[in-house]
């Protein structure tokens, strides 16, 4: 195409092409015109570039569709253009072409493979989310139109360098959401989960279930993957509300040992604070059942520190763990045999959160005496601390203890002897007559000796450190 001079030199490159189009129409083939247009498009501004690319589209679609196969790579190159408008046009152009000819998808896949596996590109210019997004722009836009492309994406992902993998995980949200969890190809990807693509599959699962409950089909694929091929408990998190109650309880020891942020996400899902669209997903566990299950985790399967942190997460959700819920939890834990190690820690935390539960807690303490709570050293330690914290309400509970156990309380908390004795002295003669002589003997023992100074920690029973039960 001849170059313009004079006034023509002041016109756009595109207008030069159009003004000369008629005189060159008989000298250039359609293929040559496309070559010329693409060359010009690479050199001109965005607005004029769009005009030229639209001309390319018209020539190919209307005059010779077979040319698209010849110039596909050149057209795809514009998907990395700085202009969003240009990239969107190229995507629309290729989308329409792929609808007409599915074989073009094979070329697109080859293009993706080359871009993603080209480590030399990474050496020259480190991959960023934006560069990956530009290289994947077209491919990702086609995923919702042709779901089988997700298998090629997974295959490429397994061989990609680390920087590309991290970026891919960030840019796939919209196309995966567009495919939806009912997609047979996505379900197949989860079912097969290529080695090396575990993080990609997990990311897809989180995207699909972020705002809607998991479908039974998706839950079944993940369940099979976890039990038969990849026993990584993190796969279960996105579909945890689709599992059976016993499955969740069995997975809890592994789940609560994960990163604290991940554990928080697990609890958000189980406690019904995760989904924001439509009706929330029904959890397989009620809040009370979750807290009870944490108390019953076998200490050989999970360290006590992780269990305590998990129970603290529950107590952090005050809107969920109301006084009514905690009362039911305490009641059920108290009825268990053997008594859970963390029972009294939970009783004290519940009382701290809801002081009005004091009367209920007194009933729990009295029931624990009937269960011979002193036979459980850790629970007994918590029992004494709770009595100390709730005095003078706990005085009547302490008087129900057998003499040896009351003496044990005074060994731990000697400062409680005199106030309890004064409490008994305030009784009417008739009431005092009901106090066994053996109890009075314990109360009055060493009563003439000065009481030792109370231990600081006993007067400050604040939240118990996570490194120990009490």
Protein backbone atom coordinates (compact mmCIF):
# COMPACT_ATOMS: atom_id res chain seq x y z
CA UNK A 1 0.00 0.00 0.00
CA UNK A 2 1.46 3.34 -1.00
CA UNK A 3 2.30 5.92 1.68
CA UNK A 4 0.42 9.23 1.65
CA UNK A 5 2.18 12.62 1.14
CA UNK A 6 1.21 16.27 1.56
CA UNK A 7 -2.20 16.63 3.16
CA UNK A 8 -2.56 12.88 3.21
CA UNK A 9 0.44 12.67 5.53
CA UNK A 10 -1.61 14.47 8.17
CA UNK A 11 -4.38 11.85 8.07
CA UNK A 12 -4.47 8.69 10.14
CA UNK A 13 -2.79 5.53 8.99
CA UNK A 14 -6.18 3.88 8.90
CA UNK A 15 -7.66 6.60 6.72
CA UNK A 16 -4.70 6.28 4.38
CA UNK A 17 -5.50 2.62 3.97
CA UNK A 18 -9.17 3.23 3.35
CA UNK A 19 -8.54 6.03 0.86
CA UNK A 20 -6.26 3.79 -1.15
CA UNK A 21 -8.36 0.67 -0.77
CA UNK A 22 -10.25 1.06 -4.05
CA UNK A 23 -7.17 1.68 -6.18
CA UNK A 24 -5.41 -1.35 -4.67
CA UNK A 25 -8.45 -3.62 -4.63
CA UNK A 26 -7.51 -5.19 -7.94
CA UNK A 27 -3.84 -5.44 -7.06
CA UNK A 28 -4.08 -7.16 -3.62
CA UNK A 29 -5.65 -10.44 -2.61
CA UNK A 30 -7.79 -10.65 0.52
CA UNK A 31 -4.91 -12.36 2.28
CA UNK A 32 -2.55 -9.55 1.38
CA UNK A 33 -5.05 -6.97 2.58
CA UNK A 34 -5.29 -8.74 5.94
CA UNK A 35 -1.49 -8.79 6.23
CA UNK A 36 -1.31 -5.09 5.48
CA UNK A 37 -4.07 -4.27 7.95
CA UNK A 38 -2.49 -6.29 10.75
CA UNK A 39 0.86 -4.63 10.14
CA UNK A 40 -0.76 -1.21 10.32
CA UNK A 41 -2.74 -2.12 13.45
CA UNK A 42 0.47 -2.87 15.28
CA UNK A 43 1.68 0.71 14.75
CA UNK A 44 -1.32 2.95 15.30
CA UNK A 45 -3.30 4.34 18.23
CA UNK A 46 -6.08 2.51 20.02
CA UNK A 47 -9.04 4.21 18.36
CA UNK A 48 -7.68 3.69 14.86
CA UNK A 49 -6.44 0.22 15.76
CA UNK A 50 -10.01 -0.82 16.53
CA UNK A 51 -11.15 0.47 13.16
CA UNK A 52 -8.44 -1.49 11.37
CA UNK A 53 -9.12 -4.69 13.33
CA UNK A 54 -12.81 -4.43 12.53
CA UNK A 55 -11.82 -4.18 8.88
CA UNK A 56 -9.80 -7.38 9.34
CA UNK A 57 -12.84 -9.04 10.85
CA UNK A 58 -15.05 -8.00 7.95
CA UNK A 59 -12.57 -9.24 5.37
CA UNK A 60 -12.18 -12.63 7.02
CA UNK A 61 -15.78 -13.27 8.02
CA UNK A 62 -17.41 -11.93 4.86
CA UNK A 63 -14.87 -12.71 2.16
CA UNK A 64 -12.72 -15.66 3.19
CA UNK A 65 -13.37 -17.35 6.59
CA UNK A 66 -10.56 -19.81 5.92
CA UNK A 67 -8.09 -16.97 6.44
CA UNK A 68 -8.80 -16.93 10.16
CA UNK A 69 -6.85 -20.16 10.54
CA UNK A 70 -3.92 -18.58 8.70
CA UNK A 71 -3.88 -15.41 10.79
CA UNK A 72 -5.09 -16.72 14.15
CA UNK A 73 -1.74 -16.31 15.88
CA UNK A 74 -1.37 -12.74 14.61
CA UNK A 75 -4.87 -11.84 15.80
CA UNK A 76 -4.32 -13.55 19.16
CA UNK A 77 -1.21 -11.42 19.63
CA UNK A 78 -3.48 -8.42 20.16
CA UNK A 79 -4.90 -9.99 23.34
CA UNK A 80 -1.87 -8.56 25.15
CA UNK A 81 -2.52 -5.04 23.87
CA UNK A 82 -2.46 -2.31 26.50
CA UNK A 83 -5.96 -1.22 25.53
CA UNK A 84 -8.86 -2.99 27.22
CA UNK A 85 -11.07 -2.09 24.26
CA UNK A 86 -8.69 -3.83 21.85
CA UNK A 87 -8.47 -6.92 24.05
CA UNK A 88 -12.25 -7.10 24.37
CA UNK A 89 -12.65 -6.80 20.61
CA UNK A 90 -10.14 -9.60 19.97
CA UNK A 91 -11.91 -11.82 22.50
CA UNK A 92 -15.28 -11.20 20.89
CA UNK A 93 -13.81 -11.83 17.45
CA UNK A 94 -12.24 -15.15 18.47
CA UNK A 95 -15.27 -16.23 20.49
CA UNK A 96 -17.45 -15.82 17.42
CA UNK A 97 -14.90 -17.62 15.28
CA UNK A 98 -14.69 -20.55 17.72
CA UNK A 99 -18.45 -20.90 17.64
CA UNK A 100 -18.16 -21.29 13.87
CA UNK A 101 -15.14 -23.61 13.93
CA UNK A 102 -14.30 -25.66 17.02
CA UNK A 103 -10.97 -26.68 15.52
CA UNK A 104 -9.72 -23.20 16.30
CA UNK A 105 -9.76 -24.16 19.96
CA UNK A 106 -6.86 -26.52 19.31
CA UNK A 107 -4.80 -23.57 18.11
CA UNK A 108 -5.78 -21.59 21.18
CA UNK A 109 -4.66 -24.42 23.41
CA UNK A 110 -1.31 -24.56 21.65
CA UNK A 111 -1.00 -20.80 22.15
CA UNK A 112 -1.71 -21.16 25.86
CA UNK A 113 0.77 -24.01 26.25
CA UNK A 114 3.51 -21.97 24.66
CA UNK A 115 2.88 -18.93 26.83
CA UNK A 116 2.59 -20.81 30.11
CA UNK A 117 5.59 -23.09 29.62
CA UNK A 118 7.95 -20.45 28.28
CA UNK A 119 10.39 -20.04 31.17
CA UNK A 120 12.56 -17.74 29.07
CA UNK A 121 9.80 -15.15 29.23
CA UNK A 122 9.94 -15.29 33.00
CA UNK A 123 13.70 -14.74 33.01
CA UNK A 124 13.44 -11.65 30.83
CA UNK A 125 10.47 -10.15 32.66
CA UNK A 126 9.04 -11.74 35.83
CA UNK A 127 5.44 -12.88 35.53
CA UNK A 128 2.90 -10.73 37.28
CA UNK A 129 -0.83 -11.17 37.67
CA UNK A 130 -1.36 -8.64 34.88
CA UNK A 131 0.95 -10.36 32.38
CA UNK A 132 -0.64 -13.73 33.09
CA UNK A 133 -4.08 -12.17 32.83
CA UNK A 134 -3.19 -10.73 29.44
CA UNK A 135 -1.84 -14.02 28.16
CA UNK A 136 -4.86 -15.91 29.47
CA UNK A 137 -7.47 -13.27 28.68
CA UNK A 138 -8.80 -14.94 25.58
CA UNK A 139 -8.46 -18.46 26.91
CA UNK A 140 -10.25 -17.70 30.16
CA UNK A 141 -13.07 -15.92 28.36
CA UNK A 142 -13.68 -19.07 26.33
CA UNK A 143 -13.85 -21.40 29.34
CA UNK A 144 -17.55 -20.75 30.03
CA UNK A 145 -18.23 -21.36 26.32
CA UNK A 146 -16.21 -24.56 26.06
CA UNK A 147 -15.80 -26.26 29.41
CA UNK A 148 -13.41 -28.93 28.17
CA UNK A 149 -10.69 -26.29 28.01
CA UNK A 150 -10.40 -26.57 31.79
CA UNK A 151 -8.60 -29.91 31.39
CA UNK A 152 -5.97 -28.29 29.19
CA UNK A 153 -5.62 -25.50 31.73
CA UNK A 154 -4.98 -28.10 34.44
CA UNK A 155 -2.45 -29.94 32.27
CA UNK A 156 -0.55 -26.72 31.59
CA UNK A 157 -0.80 -25.65 35.24
CA UNK A 158 1.00 -28.76 36.43
CA UNK A 159 4.05 -27.84 34.33
CA UNK A 160 3.99 -24.07 34.85
CA UNK A 161 6.58 -22.25 36.95
CA UNK A 162 5.61 -21.16 40.47
CA UNK A 163 5.01 -17.48 39.63
CA UNK A 164 2.58 -18.39 36.88
CA UNK A 165 0.73 -20.85 39.11
CA UNK A 166 0.17 -18.22 41.78
CA UNK A 167 -1.10 -15.74 39.23
CA UNK A 168 -3.38 -18.27 37.55
CA UNK A 169 -5.05 -19.01 40.89
CA UNK A 170 -5.92 -15.33 41.20
CA UNK A 171 -7.30 -14.75 37.70
CA UNK A 172 -9.57 -17.77 37.22
CA UNK A 173 -12.39 -16.70 39.52
CA UNK A 174 -14.81 -15.26 36.95
CA UNK A 175 -14.47 -18.01 34.30
CA UNK A 176 -14.80 -20.80 36.87
CA UNK A 177 -17.81 -19.09 38.41
CA UNK A 178 -19.23 -18.77 34.90
CA UNK A 179 -18.89 -22.52 34.36
CA UNK A 180 -20.79 -23.36 37.54
CA UNK A 181 -20.55 -26.43 39.76
CA UNK A 182 -22.93 -28.41 37.56
CA UNK A 183 -20.41 -28.41 34.70
CA UNK A 184 -19.61 -32.05 33.77
CA UNK A 185 -16.07 -31.03 32.87
CA UNK A 186 -15.47 -29.34 36.21
CA UNK A 187 -16.87 -32.37 38.01
CA UNK A 188 -14.58 -34.58 35.92
CA UNK A 189 -11.59 -32.37 36.78
CA UNK A 190 -12.34 -32.77 40.49
CA UNK A 191 -12.83 -36.51 40.08
CA UNK A 192 -9.54 -37.02 38.24
CA UNK A 193 -7.48 -34.19 39.82
CA UNK A 194 -4.20 -34.44 37.86
CA UNK A 195 -1.09 -34.80 40.00
CA UNK A 196 0.33 -31.34 40.51
CA UNK A 197 -3.02 -29.61 39.99
CA UNK A 198 -4.29 -30.06 43.55
CA UNK A 199 -4.06 -26.36 44.38
CA UNK A 200 -5.88 -25.47 41.16
CA UNK A 201 -8.70 -27.89 41.93
CA UNK A 202 -8.96 -26.65 45.51
CA UNK A 203 -9.15 -23.06 44.26
CA UNK A 204 -11.92 -24.02 41.85
CA UNK A 205 -13.85 -25.66 44.70
CA UNK A 206 -13.59 -22.54 46.84
CA UNK A 207 -14.75 -20.32 43.98
CA UNK A 208 -17.75 -22.54 43.26
CA UNK A 209 -18.90 -22.72 46.89
CA UNK A 210 -18.00 -19.23 48.04
CA UNK A 211 -21.57 -17.93 47.91
CA UNK A 212 -23.73 -20.97 47.28
CA UNK A 213 -23.95 -24.40 48.93
CA UNK A 214 -22.17 -27.32 47.24
CA UNK A 215 -24.26 -29.57 45.03
CA UNK A 216 -24.62 -33.27 45.94
CA UNK A 217 -22.71 -34.17 42.76
CA UNK A 218 -19.77 -31.96 43.73
CA UNK A 219 -19.76 -33.30 47.29
CA UNK A 220 -19.67 -36.87 46.01
CA UNK A 221 -16.68 -36.16 43.71
CA UNK A 222 -14.74 -34.48 46.52
CA UNK A 223 -15.59 -37.26 48.97
CA UNK A 224 -14.28 -39.89 46.56
CA UNK A 225 -11.16 -37.86 45.82
CA UNK A 226 -10.40 -37.49 49.54
CA UNK A 227 -11.00 -41.10 50.52
CA UNK A 228 -9.56 -42.84 47.46
CA UNK A 229 -6.80 -40.69 46.00
CA UNK A 230 -5.70 -37.53 47.81
CA UNK A 231 -6.27 -37.67 51.60
CA UNK A 232 -5.73 -33.94 52.07
CA UNK A 233 -8.39 -32.62 54.45
CA UNK A 234 -8.27 -29.20 52.77
CA UNK A 235 -10.26 -30.64 49.87
CA UNK A 236 -13.20 -31.12 52.23
CA UNK A 237 -13.45 -27.49 53.35
CA UNK A 238 -15.39 -26.07 50.37
CA UNK A 239 -17.97 -28.87 50.55
CA UNK A 240 -17.99 -29.38 54.31
CA UNK A 241 -21.65 -28.39 54.64
CA UNK A 242 -22.53 -31.14 52.19
CA UNK A 243 -20.92 -33.87 54.27
CA UNK A 244 -22.62 -36.06 56.86
CA UNK A 245 -22.31 -35.16 60.54
CA UNK A 246 -20.04 -38.10 61.33
CA UNK A 247 -17.76 -37.21 58.40
CA UNK A 248 -17.26 -33.69 59.73
CA UNK A 249 -16.61 -34.96 63.27
CA UNK A 250 -14.02 -37.44 61.96
CA UNK A 251 -12.27 -34.68 60.02
CA UNK A 252 -12.22 -32.15 62.88
CA UNK A 253 -8.87 -33.27 64.40
CA UNK A 254 -7.12 -32.63 61.08
CA UNK A 255 -9.09 -29.49 60.26
CA UNK A 256 -8.34 -27.61 63.47
CA UNK A 257 -4.59 -28.21 63.06
CA UNK A 258 -4.54 -26.17 59.85
CA UNK A 259 -3.56 -22.51 59.55
CA UNK A 260 -5.71 -20.35 61.91
CA UNK A 261 -7.15 -18.41 58.97
CA UNK A 262 -8.22 -21.68 57.34
CA UNK A 263 -9.72 -22.96 60.60
CA UNK A 264 -11.70 -19.73 60.85
CA UNK A 265 -13.08 -20.30 57.36
CA UNK A 266 -14.09 -23.85 58.31
CA UNK A 267 -15.98 -22.58 61.33
CA UNK A 268 -17.59 -19.77 59.33
CA UNK A 269 -19.01 -22.38 57.00
CA UNK A 270 -20.13 -24.71 59.78
CA UNK A 271 -21.68 -21.91 61.83
CA UNK A 272 -23.63 -20.53 58.89
CA UNK A 273 -21.82 -17.21 58.47
CA UNK A 274 -20.27 -18.00 55.07
CA UNK A 275 -22.92 -17.68 52.35
CA UNK A 276 -24.40 -14.32 51.45
CA UNK A 277 -26.62 -15.14 48.47
CA UNK A 278 -29.98 -16.79 48.87
CA UNK A 279 -30.62 -19.06 51.82
CA UNK A 280 -27.59 -20.05 53.86
CA UNK A 281 -26.31 -23.58 53.57
CA UNK A 282 -27.56 -25.97 56.24
CA UNK A 283 -24.64 -27.13 58.37
CA UNK A 284 -24.41 -30.83 59.25
CA UNK A 285 -23.65 -29.75 62.84
CA UNK A 286 -25.51 -27.33 65.08
CA UNK A 287 -23.28 -24.82 66.92
CA UNK A 288 -23.76 -26.82 70.11
CA UNK A 289 -22.85 -30.09 68.43
CA UNK A 290 -19.69 -28.53 67.02
CA UNK A 291 -18.52 -27.32 70.43
CA UNK A 292 -19.31 -30.68 72.02
CA UNK A 293 -17.46 -32.50 69.23
CA UNK A 294 -14.37 -30.36 69.90
CA UNK A 295 -14.44 -31.40 73.57
CA UNK A 296 -14.59 -35.06 72.55
CA UNK A 297 -11.62 -35.05 70.16
CA UNK A 298 -9.17 -37.80 71.06
CA UNK A 299 -6.05 -36.12 72.46
CA UNK A 300 -3.95 -38.72 70.62
CA UNK A 301 -5.22 -37.33 67.31
CA UNK A 302 -4.85 -33.63 68.05
CA UNK A 303 -2.85 -31.55 70.51
CA UNK A 304 -4.73 -29.80 73.31
CA UNK A 305 -3.51 -26.37 72.21
CA UNK A 306 -5.25 -26.71 68.84
CA UNK A 307 -8.45 -27.90 70.51
CA UNK A 308 -8.44 -24.93 72.89
CA UNK A 309 -7.90 -22.50 70.02
CA UNK A 310 -10.82 -24.07 68.19
CA UNK A 311 -13.13 -23.74 71.20
CA UNK A 312 -12.05 -20.11 71.52
CA UNK A 313 -13.20 -19.52 67.95
CA UNK A 314 -16.63 -20.75 68.98
CA UNK A 315 -16.77 -18.45 71.98
CA UNK A 316 -15.78 -15.59 69.70
CA UNK A 317 -19.11 -15.96 67.88
CA UNK A 318 -21.35 -14.54 70.59
CA UNK A 319 -24.28 -14.14 68.22
CA UNK A 320 -24.18 -17.87 67.59
CA UNK A 321 -23.21 -19.13 71.03
CA UNK A 322 -25.97 -17.62 73.12
CA UNK A 323 -26.45 -18.37 76.81
CA UNK A 324 -29.12 -20.90 75.85
CA UNK A 325 -26.79 -22.75 73.47
CA UNK A 326 -23.97 -22.82 76.03
CA UNK A 327 -26.31 -24.05 78.76
CA UNK A 328 -27.25 -27.03 76.60
CA UNK A 329 -23.58 -27.67 75.81
CA UNK A 330 -22.59 -27.62 79.49
CA UNK A 331 -25.49 -29.87 80.42
CA UNK A 332 -24.58 -32.48 77.80
CA UNK A 333 -20.87 -32.37 78.57
CA UNK A 334 -21.57 -32.78 82.28
CA UNK A 335 -23.64 -35.90 81.59
CA UNK A 336 -20.80 -37.62 79.71
CA UNK A 337 -18.67 -40.37 81.19
CA UNK A 338 -15.78 -39.88 81.40
CA UNK A 339 -15.99 -36.12 81.88
CA UNK A 340 -14.26 -34.16 79.07
CA UNK A 341 -10.97 -32.57 80.10
CA UNK A 342 -12.05 -29.12 78.91
CA UNK A 343 -15.45 -29.20 80.60
CA UNK A 344 -14.67 -26.73 83.38
CA UNK A 345 -12.73 -24.44 81.08
CA UNK A 346 -15.89 -24.14 79.00
CA UNK A 347 -18.02 -23.63 82.13
CA UNK A 348 -15.77 -20.77 83.27
CA UNK A 349 -15.72 -19.17 79.81
CA UNK A 350 -19.50 -19.44 79.55
CA UNK A 351 -19.88 -17.78 82.94
CA UNK A 352 -17.46 -15.02 81.92
CA UNK A 353 -19.48 -14.35 78.78
CA UNK A 354 -22.88 -14.63 80.48
CA UNK A 355 -22.71 -13.88 84.25
CA UNK A 356 -26.46 -14.53 84.48
CA UNK A 357 -25.65 -18.24 84.06
CA UNK A 358 -24.30 -18.32 87.64
CA UNK A 359 -27.36 -20.13 89.00
CA UNK A 360 -27.20 -22.70 86.23
CA UNK A 361 -23.48 -23.20 86.84
CA UNK A 362 -24.14 -23.86 90.55
CA UNK A 363 -26.46 -26.66 89.50
CA UNK A 364 -23.75 -28.05 87.20
CA UNK A 365 -21.22 -27.99 90.05
CA UNK A 366 -23.61 -29.80 92.37
CA UNK A 367 -24.26 -32.46 89.73
CA UNK A 368 -20.52 -32.90 89.25
CA UNK A 369 -20.15 -33.74 92.93
CA UNK A 370 -22.58 -36.61 92.40
CA UNK A 371 -20.33 -37.77 89.54
CA UNK A 372 -17.30 -37.67 91.87
CA UNK A 373 -15.58 -34.98 89.84
CA UNK A 374 -12.40 -35.31 91.97
CA UNK A 375 -11.62 -38.54 90.13
CA UNK A 376 -10.80 -36.45 87.04
CA UNK A 377 -7.73 -34.38 88.03
CA UNK A 378 -7.97 -31.70 85.32
CA UNK A 379 -11.72 -31.33 85.70
CA UNK A 380 -11.38 -31.23 89.49
CA UNK A 381 -8.80 -28.46 89.19
CA UNK A 382 -11.26 -26.49 87.10
CA UNK A 383 -14.07 -27.26 89.54
CA UNK A 384 -12.10 -25.67 92.39
CA UNK A 385 -11.22 -22.63 90.30
CA UNK A 386 -14.86 -22.20 89.33
CA UNK A 387 -15.96 -22.38 92.99
CA UNK A 388 -13.34 -19.81 93.86
CA UNK A 389 -14.49 -17.53 91.07
CA UNK A 390 -18.18 -17.77 91.97
CA UNK A 391 -17.99 -17.32 95.75
CA UNK A 392 -20.09 -16.68 97.76
CA UNK A 393 -22.66 -18.44 95.51
CA UNK A 394 -20.48 -21.54 95.50
CA UNK A 395 -20.34 -21.88 99.29
CA UNK A 396 -23.41 -24.09 99.43
CA UNK A 397 -21.89 -26.28 96.70
CA UNK A 398 -18.64 -26.66 98.64
CA UNK A 399 -20.56 -27.79 101.70
CA UNK A 400 -21.88 -30.74 99.66
CA UNK A 401 -18.36 -32.11 99.15
CA UNK A 402 -17.15 -35.10 101.18
CA UNK A 403 -14.71 -34.04 103.95
CA UNK A 404 -11.54 -35.25 102.14
CA UNK A 405 -12.42 -33.30 99.01
CA UNK A 406 -13.33 -30.17 101.00
CA UNK A 407 -9.95 -30.43 102.70
CA UNK A 408 -8.38 -30.72 99.23
CA UNK A 409 -10.10 -27.48 98.22
CA UNK A 410 -8.60 -25.71 101.23
CA UNK A 411 -5.17 -27.09 100.39
CA UNK A 412 -5.45 -25.44 96.99
CA UNK A 413 -7.26 -22.32 98.19
CA UNK A 414 -6.61 -21.86 101.92
CA UNK A 415 -8.05 -18.36 101.85
CA UNK A 416 -11.51 -19.85 101.26
CA UNK A 417 -11.68 -21.70 104.60
CA UNK A 418 -12.46 -18.76 106.89
CA UNK A 419 -15.12 -17.13 104.64
CA UNK A 420 -16.84 -20.50 104.28
CA UNK A 421 -16.75 -21.01 108.05
CA UNK A 422 -18.23 -17.54 108.58
CA UNK A 423 -20.90 -18.44 106.05
CA UNK A 424 -21.86 -21.50 108.13
CA UNK A 425 -21.87 -19.43 111.33
CA UNK A 426 -24.45 -17.17 109.69
CA UNK A 427 -26.87 -20.09 109.46
CA UNK A 428 -29.74 -20.49 111.87
CA UNK A 429 -29.22 -23.16 114.56
CA UNK A 430 -31.58 -25.41 112.65
CA UNK A 431 -29.55 -24.99 109.44
CA UNK A 432 -26.26 -25.56 111.25
CA UNK A 433 -27.63 -28.80 112.65
CA UNK A 434 -27.70 -30.18 109.11
CA UNK A 435 -23.96 -29.64 108.59
CA UNK A 436 -22.15 -32.93 109.31
CA UNK A 437 -19.65 -32.86 112.15
CA UNK A 438 -16.97 -34.16 109.77
CA UNK A 439 -17.45 -31.09 107.55
CA UNK A 440 -17.33 -28.76 110.56
CA UNK A 441 -14.09 -30.43 111.61
CA UNK A 442 -12.53 -29.61 108.24
CA UNK A 443 -13.84 -26.05 108.39
CA UNK A 444 -12.57 -25.43 111.91
CA UNK A 445 -9.21 -27.16 111.50
CA UNK A 446 -6.35 -24.70 112.02
CA UNK A 447 -8.91 -21.90 112.21
CA UNK A 448 -6.85 -20.20 114.94
CA UNK A 449 -3.77 -20.05 112.73
CA UNK A 450 -3.28 -16.96 110.53
CA UNK A 451 -4.28 -17.63 107.02
CA UNK A 452 -1.47 -17.50 104.43
CA UNK A 453 -1.49 -14.77 101.84
CA UNK A 454 -3.63 -15.75 98.83
CA UNK A 455 -1.84 -16.66 95.66
CA UNK A 456 -2.13 -13.86 93.06
CA UNK A 457 -3.31 -16.15 90.31
CA UNK A 458 -6.17 -17.40 92.46
CA UNK A 459 -7.59 -13.88 92.77
CA UNK A 460 -7.26 -13.28 89.07
CA UNK A 461 -8.87 -16.25 87.33
CA UNK A 462 -8.81 -14.55 83.96
CA UNK A 463 -9.02 -16.36 80.63
CA UNK A 464 -6.85 -19.42 80.91
CA UNK A 465 -3.68 -19.48 78.86
CA UNK A 466 -3.84 -21.56 75.71
CA UNK A 467 -0.72 -23.51 76.62
CA UNK A 468 -2.63 -25.44 79.26
CA UNK A 469 -6.14 -26.40 80.22
CA UNK A 470 -6.08 -24.26 83.38
